[in-house]
Amino acid sequence: VEDPPEGRIRGAIQTPILCDKADEAEVRRAWERALSSALRLDPDAILPGELRDLISILAGIFAAQTGHLVLTTLHANSAFSIPERMITMGANAGLVADAQLLIGLISQRLVQVLCPHCRVPWSVKKDQLTTEEREYLEKYCSVEGICRPENLHFRNESGCPACRKAVVIGGKQVATVGQGVAGRSVVAEVVRPDTMLFRLLIQEGKEAAKAYWLSELGGITRRIHLLHKLNAGLVDPLDADLIVPLDEDEVTLSVSDPVTSSSDIDTAQIERLALVIAASVREGLKQGVEDAIKAGITAGMAA
């Protein structure tokens, strides 16, 4: 159910929201009609598109209350900001803070993957860095058992034949792109909330809820997920810092190394969970639902 559909999704029945967008009552009725129609089809899952106002949020909640798996998206700063955004847009806090309703909070960002053929090791790059850059990386990329500065690699801005790509227009090469990179990879934070987490989030704020998630639920922050990639030499730390700040945990948690037993988690599991929604869109809704069920998400809403 989309407003409007942004592309064909293989395997899905797509329903546009058709109404006068200036008439709030008509928009609400259009969402109700679309969801009622979807529920009559006995869906494997429902994808309400982007939640960007109170009407679409309530539509997503209504769909999840029927016991169906609901996958949706929302613009937010972090996984813990998702309930906050829903509430500030007008949803009732008691309705949102329901661990049986809002069962998954996923925050993901994409970072560029280094070309394995021309990436530059720390031993070569460190003398080319400024004093501030070197001290910054040595401080925030030093986490016992997870990341060491000497394992870092950096982008070769000139690239190599394996990663350089020519841009040709009208039979003439006009530019070269892709120097030093070979694609993108996800850095994610995946939260499976419980009642206590929501209670802390509502009563004491995001910092308290996140601290509980780390200490009691085995959470792993997106910065720690990133550090695993940095330690493997997959991502340039200076480029990645622009996407996921290396001091993010210190800023949001007042600690620089929020490492618990979660540091032993297979980070590939984090990526599989984070890509559930993307798989639903790219490969077809049915396959995405199967992946979600395998990941342990059964009924409720994942944003």
Protein backbone atom coordinates (compact mmCIF):
# COMPACT_ATOMS: atom_id res chain seq x y z
CA VAL A 1 0.00 0.00 0.00
CA GLU A 2 1.91 3.02 -1.28
CA ASP A 3 1.45 6.74 -1.72
CA PRO A 4 2.53 6.64 -4.50
CA PRO A 5 4.01 3.32 -5.77
CA GLU A 6 7.68 3.99 -6.50
CA GLY A 7 8.45 0.91 -8.59
CA ARG A 8 7.26 -2.57 -9.47
CA ILE A 9 7.79 -5.11 -6.68
CA ARG A 10 8.00 -8.64 -8.05
CA GLY A 11 5.57 -10.99 -6.32
CA ALA A 12 3.58 -8.26 -4.57
CA ILE A 13 0.09 -6.89 -5.04
CA GLN A 14 0.57 -3.12 -5.06
CA THR A 15 -2.22 -0.73 -4.16
CA PRO A 16 -1.88 3.04 -4.65
CA ILE A 17 -3.57 5.57 -2.38
CA LEU A 18 -5.95 7.35 -4.76
CA CYS A 19 -7.63 10.42 -3.31
CA ASP A 20 -7.54 14.19 -2.99
CA LYS A 21 -4.36 14.66 -0.95
CA ALA A 22 -5.57 18.07 0.24
CA ASP A 23 -8.57 16.48 1.98
CA GLU A 24 -7.33 14.85 5.21
CA ALA A 25 -10.57 12.97 5.79
CA GLU A 26 -10.46 11.57 2.26
CA VAL A 27 -6.81 10.51 2.70
CA ARG A 28 -7.75 8.67 5.88
CA ARG A 29 -10.64 6.91 4.15
CA ALA A 30 -8.37 5.97 1.23
CA TRP A 31 -5.86 4.33 3.59
CA GLU A 32 -8.68 2.47 5.35
CA ARG A 33 -10.05 1.21 2.01
CA ALA A 34 -6.62 0.11 0.82
CA LEU A 35 -5.80 -1.78 4.02
CA SER A 36 -9.24 -3.38 4.21
CA SER A 37 -8.75 -4.57 0.64
CA ALA A 38 -5.28 -5.91 1.48
CA LEU A 39 -6.55 -7.82 4.51
CA ARG A 40 -9.27 -9.50 2.44
CA LEU A 41 -6.50 -11.00 0.28
CA ASP A 42 -5.07 -13.02 3.22
CA PRO A 43 -1.61 -11.47 2.79
CA ASP A 44 1.65 -13.06 3.90
CA ALA A 45 2.71 -9.56 4.95
CA ILE A 46 1.76 -5.94 4.43
CA LEU A 47 4.13 -3.18 3.31
CA PRO A 48 2.54 0.24 3.98
CA GLY A 49 5.38 2.12 2.29
CA GLU A 50 6.85 5.09 4.11
CA LEU A 51 5.36 6.36 7.37
CA ARG A 52 5.53 10.13 6.97
CA ASP A 53 2.44 11.44 8.76
CA LEU A 54 -0.06 10.44 11.44
CA ILE A 55 -2.49 8.89 8.94
CA SER A 56 0.09 6.50 7.48
CA ILE A 57 1.42 5.66 10.97
CA LEU A 58 -2.06 4.75 12.20
CA ALA A 59 -2.58 2.70 9.04
CA GLY A 60 0.57 0.72 9.78
CA ILE A 61 -0.45 0.18 13.40
CA PHE A 62 -3.94 -0.93 12.34
CA ALA A 63 -2.43 -3.49 9.95
CA ALA A 64 -0.05 -4.84 12.63
CA GLN A 65 -2.89 -5.14 15.16
CA THR A 66 -4.51 -7.76 12.92
CA GLY A 67 -1.62 -10.14 13.61
CA HIS A 68 0.04 -9.77 10.21
CA LEU A 69 3.72 -9.06 9.66
CA VAL A 70 4.10 -5.41 8.66
CA LEU A 71 7.29 -4.05 7.09
CA THR A 72 7.64 -0.32 6.66
CA THR A 73 10.14 2.54 6.57
CA LEU A 74 10.55 5.81 8.43
CA HIS A 75 13.14 8.58 8.32
CA ALA A 76 14.85 8.73 11.72
CA ASN A 77 18.30 9.36 13.18
CA SER A 78 18.59 5.93 14.81
CA ALA A 79 16.64 2.82 15.70
CA PHE A 80 15.74 4.34 19.07
CA SER A 81 14.42 7.47 17.35
CA ILE A 82 11.73 5.50 15.48
CA PRO A 83 9.17 5.36 18.34
CA GLU A 84 10.02 8.98 19.20
CA ARG A 85 9.25 10.13 15.65
CA MET A 86 5.99 8.21 15.58
CA ILE A 87 4.94 9.86 18.84
CA THR A 88 5.97 13.38 17.79
CA MET A 89 3.89 12.95 14.62
CA GLY A 90 0.85 12.34 16.80
CA ALA A 91 0.68 8.62 17.60
CA ASN A 92 -0.28 7.70 21.16
CA ALA A 93 2.80 6.75 23.21
CA GLY A 94 0.98 3.88 24.90
CA LEU A 95 0.04 2.48 21.51
CA VAL A 96 3.54 2.74 20.05
CA ALA A 97 5.38 1.38 23.11
CA ASP A 98 3.97 -2.13 22.74
CA ALA A 99 6.56 -4.90 22.40
CA GLN A 100 3.98 -7.17 20.75
CA LEU A 101 3.14 -4.52 18.17
CA LEU A 102 6.44 -2.82 17.36
CA ILE A 103 8.68 -5.89 17.24
CA GLY A 104 11.70 -4.70 15.29
CA LEU A 105 13.58 -1.41 14.97
CA ILE A 106 16.23 -1.32 12.26
CA SER A 107 18.53 1.59 11.51
CA GLN A 108 20.86 1.14 8.57
CA ARG A 109 23.33 3.22 6.61
CA LEU A 110 25.43 2.34 3.59
CA VAL A 111 29.21 2.66 3.40
CA GLN A 112 31.47 2.20 0.40
CA VAL A 113 33.50 -1.03 0.21
CA LEU A 114 37.17 -0.68 -0.66
CA CYS A 115 38.62 -2.21 -3.79
CA PRO A 116 40.59 -5.25 -2.53
CA HIS A 117 43.18 -4.80 -5.27
CA CYS A 118 44.37 -1.28 -4.50
CA ARG A 119 43.34 -0.42 -0.92
CA VAL A 120 46.07 1.26 1.12
CA PRO A 121 47.17 -0.32 4.45
CA TRP A 122 47.65 1.60 7.71
CA SER A 123 51.41 1.07 7.56
CA VAL A 124 51.54 3.17 4.38
CA LYS A 125 48.77 5.67 5.10
CA LYS A 126 49.48 6.61 8.72
CA ASP A 127 52.37 8.94 7.85
CA GLN A 128 50.15 10.75 5.33
CA LEU A 129 47.47 11.53 7.92
CA THR A 130 47.33 14.72 9.94
CA THR A 131 48.13 14.46 13.63
CA GLU A 132 44.45 15.01 14.44
CA GLU A 133 43.31 12.27 12.04
CA ARG A 134 45.83 9.75 13.34
CA GLU A 135 44.99 10.42 17.00
CA TYR A 136 41.26 10.26 16.25
CA LEU A 137 41.55 6.87 14.53
CA GLU A 138 43.89 5.48 17.18
CA LYS A 139 41.38 6.45 19.88
CA TYR A 140 38.12 5.32 18.31
CA CYS A 141 39.35 2.31 16.30
CA SER A 142 41.01 0.64 19.28
CA VAL A 143 38.52 -1.79 20.83
CA GLU A 144 39.87 -4.99 22.33
CA GLY A 145 38.84 -8.05 20.35
CA ILE A 146 37.07 -5.99 17.69
CA CYS A 147 39.34 -3.48 15.97
CA ARG A 148 42.98 -2.38 15.94
CA PRO A 149 44.36 0.63 14.01
CA GLU A 150 47.06 -1.48 12.35
CA ASN A 151 44.32 -3.47 10.57
CA LEU A 152 42.78 -0.39 8.94
CA HIS A 153 42.86 0.16 5.19
CA PHE A 154 42.16 3.29 3.17
CA ARG A 155 40.83 4.23 -0.22
CA ASN A 156 43.24 4.61 -3.11
CA GLU A 157 41.81 7.75 -4.69
CA SER A 158 43.53 7.01 -8.01
CA GLY A 159 42.00 3.54 -8.16
CA CYS A 160 43.24 0.71 -10.34
CA PRO A 161 42.07 -1.14 -13.48
CA ALA A 162 39.93 -3.41 -11.29
CA CYS A 163 37.81 -0.57 -9.87
CA ARG A 164 38.00 2.35 -12.30
CA LYS A 165 34.95 2.70 -14.53
CA ALA A 166 34.72 4.93 -17.56
CA VAL A 167 31.64 7.11 -18.13
CA VAL A 168 30.95 7.16 -21.87
CA ILE A 169 28.47 9.53 -23.50
CA GLY A 170 28.01 9.57 -27.25
CA GLY A 171 30.92 7.22 -27.73
CA LYS A 172 33.26 9.56 -25.86
CA GLN A 173 34.69 9.03 -22.38
CA VAL A 174 33.73 12.04 -20.29
CA ALA A 175 34.70 10.89 -16.79
CA THR A 176 36.07 8.10 -14.63
CA VAL A 177 34.25 6.94 -11.50
CA GLY A 178 34.61 4.30 -8.80
CA GLN A 179 38.23 4.97 -7.97
CA GLY A 180 39.20 2.82 -5.04
CA VAL A 181 35.77 1.38 -4.26
CA ALA A 182 33.96 -1.80 -5.25
CA GLY A 183 30.38 -1.38 -4.07
CA ARG A 184 28.53 -0.66 -0.84
CA SER A 185 27.77 -2.51 2.39
CA VAL A 186 25.27 -2.00 5.19
CA VAL A 187 26.09 -0.80 8.70
CA ALA A 188 23.12 -1.48 10.93
CA GLU A 189 21.61 -1.45 14.37
CA VAL A 190 18.87 -4.05 14.92
CA VAL A 191 16.74 -3.75 18.05
CA ARG A 192 14.27 -6.41 19.22
CA PRO A 193 12.48 -4.39 21.95
CA ASP A 194 10.83 -5.76 25.06
CA THR A 195 8.47 -4.13 27.56
CA MET A 196 11.26 -2.86 29.82
CA LEU A 197 13.07 -1.23 26.90
CA PHE A 198 9.93 0.67 25.93
CA ARG A 199 9.29 1.66 29.53
CA LEU A 200 12.79 3.13 29.82
CA LEU A 201 12.49 4.81 26.44
CA ILE A 202 9.25 6.57 27.38
CA GLN A 203 10.11 7.41 31.00
CA GLU A 204 13.87 8.03 30.92
CA GLY A 205 14.79 8.59 27.28
CA LYS A 206 16.90 7.04 24.53
CA GLU A 207 20.18 6.87 26.46
CA ALA A 208 18.68 4.76 29.26
CA ALA A 209 16.88 2.49 26.79
CA LYS A 210 20.01 2.01 24.70
CA ALA A 211 22.13 1.24 27.76
CA TYR A 212 19.59 -1.42 28.80
CA TRP A 213 19.58 -2.86 25.28
CA LEU A 214 23.36 -3.22 25.37
CA SER A 215 23.65 -4.67 28.86
CA GLU A 216 20.56 -6.89 29.02
CA LEU A 217 19.51 -7.71 25.45
CA GLY A 218 22.91 -8.26 23.85
CA GLY A 219 22.64 -5.23 21.59
CA ILE A 220 25.40 -4.18 19.21
CA THR A 221 25.59 -0.57 18.07
CA ARG A 222 26.06 0.37 14.44
CA ARG A 223 29.45 1.83 15.36
CA ILE A 224 30.61 -1.55 16.69
CA HIS A 225 29.20 -3.19 13.55
CA LEU A 226 31.23 -0.70 11.52
CA LEU A 227 34.39 -1.45 13.52
CA HIS A 228 34.16 -5.10 12.51
CA LYS A 229 34.23 -3.99 8.87
CA LEU A 230 37.09 -1.58 9.52
CA ASN A 231 39.12 -4.30 11.22
CA ALA A 232 38.59 -6.53 8.18
CA GLY A 233 39.92 -3.77 5.94
CA LEU A 234 36.65 -3.51 4.04
CA VAL A 235 35.89 0.19 4.59
CA ASP A 236 37.89 3.43 4.73
CA PRO A 237 37.55 4.76 8.32
CA LEU A 238 37.73 8.42 7.26
CA ASP A 239 34.98 7.97 4.67
CA ALA A 240 32.90 5.87 7.07
CA ASP A 241 33.19 8.51 9.79
CA LEU A 242 31.09 10.81 7.60
CA ILE A 243 28.31 8.19 7.52
CA VAL A 244 28.55 6.64 11.00
CA PRO A 245 30.67 8.86 13.28
CA LEU A 246 33.35 6.84 15.05
CA ASP A 247 32.62 8.75 18.28
CA GLU A 248 28.85 8.15 18.02
CA ASP A 249 28.66 5.85 21.04
CA GLU A 250 30.58 8.32 23.17
CA VAL A 251 28.19 11.09 22.16
CA THR A 252 24.97 9.10 22.62
CA LEU A 253 25.95 6.89 25.57
CA SER A 254 28.66 8.86 27.38
CA VAL A 255 31.00 5.88 26.90
CA SER A 256 33.43 5.22 24.07
CA ASP A 257 33.34 1.41 24.05
CA PRO A 258 29.85 -0.04 24.71
CA VAL A 259 31.05 -3.62 24.26
CA THR A 260 29.18 -6.39 26.03
CA SER A 261 28.73 -10.05 25.22
CA SER A 262 27.26 -8.74 21.97
CA SER A 263 30.79 -8.32 20.65
CA ASP A 264 30.80 -12.08 20.05
CA ILE A 265 27.71 -11.88 17.84
CA ASP A 266 28.13 -12.96 14.22
CA THR A 267 27.78 -9.60 12.50
CA ALA A 268 26.49 -11.36 9.40
CA GLN A 269 23.29 -11.96 11.41
CA ILE A 270 22.99 -8.20 11.93
CA GLU A 271 23.22 -7.68 8.19
CA ARG A 272 20.67 -10.39 7.43
CA LEU A 273 18.15 -8.77 9.77
CA ALA A 274 18.85 -5.28 8.47
CA LEU A 275 18.31 -6.35 4.87
CA VAL A 276 14.92 -8.00 5.45
CA ILE A 277 13.00 -4.95 4.26
CA ALA A 278 15.33 -4.36 1.32
CA ALA A 279 14.96 -7.99 0.26
CA SER A 280 11.18 -7.62 0.37
CA VAL A 281 11.33 -4.76 -2.10
CA ARG A 282 14.11 -6.05 -4.35
CA GLU A 283 13.34 -9.75 -4.61
CA GLY A 284 9.61 -9.81 -4.04
CA LEU A 285 7.49 -9.56 -0.92
CA LYS A 286 7.01 -13.30 -0.45
CA GLN A 287 10.75 -14.04 -0.30
CA GLY A 288 11.24 -11.13 2.07
CA VAL A 289 8.57 -12.52 4.38
CA GLU A 290 10.22 -15.94 4.36
CA ASP A 291 13.54 -14.32 5.27
CA ALA A 292 11.87 -12.36 8.06
CA ILE A 293 10.32 -15.49 9.53
CA LYS A 294 13.69 -17.27 9.42
CA ALA A 295 15.20 -14.29 11.23
CA GLY A 296 12.65 -14.72 14.02
CA ILE A 297 10.24 -11.90 13.10
CA THR A 298 6.73 -13.34 12.96
CA ALA A 299 3.93 -10.86 13.56
CA GLY A 300 3.84 -7.19 14.32
CA MET A 301 5.52 -4.19 12.76
CA ALA A 302 9.18 -3.75 11.87
CA ALA A 303 10.34 -0.26 10.94
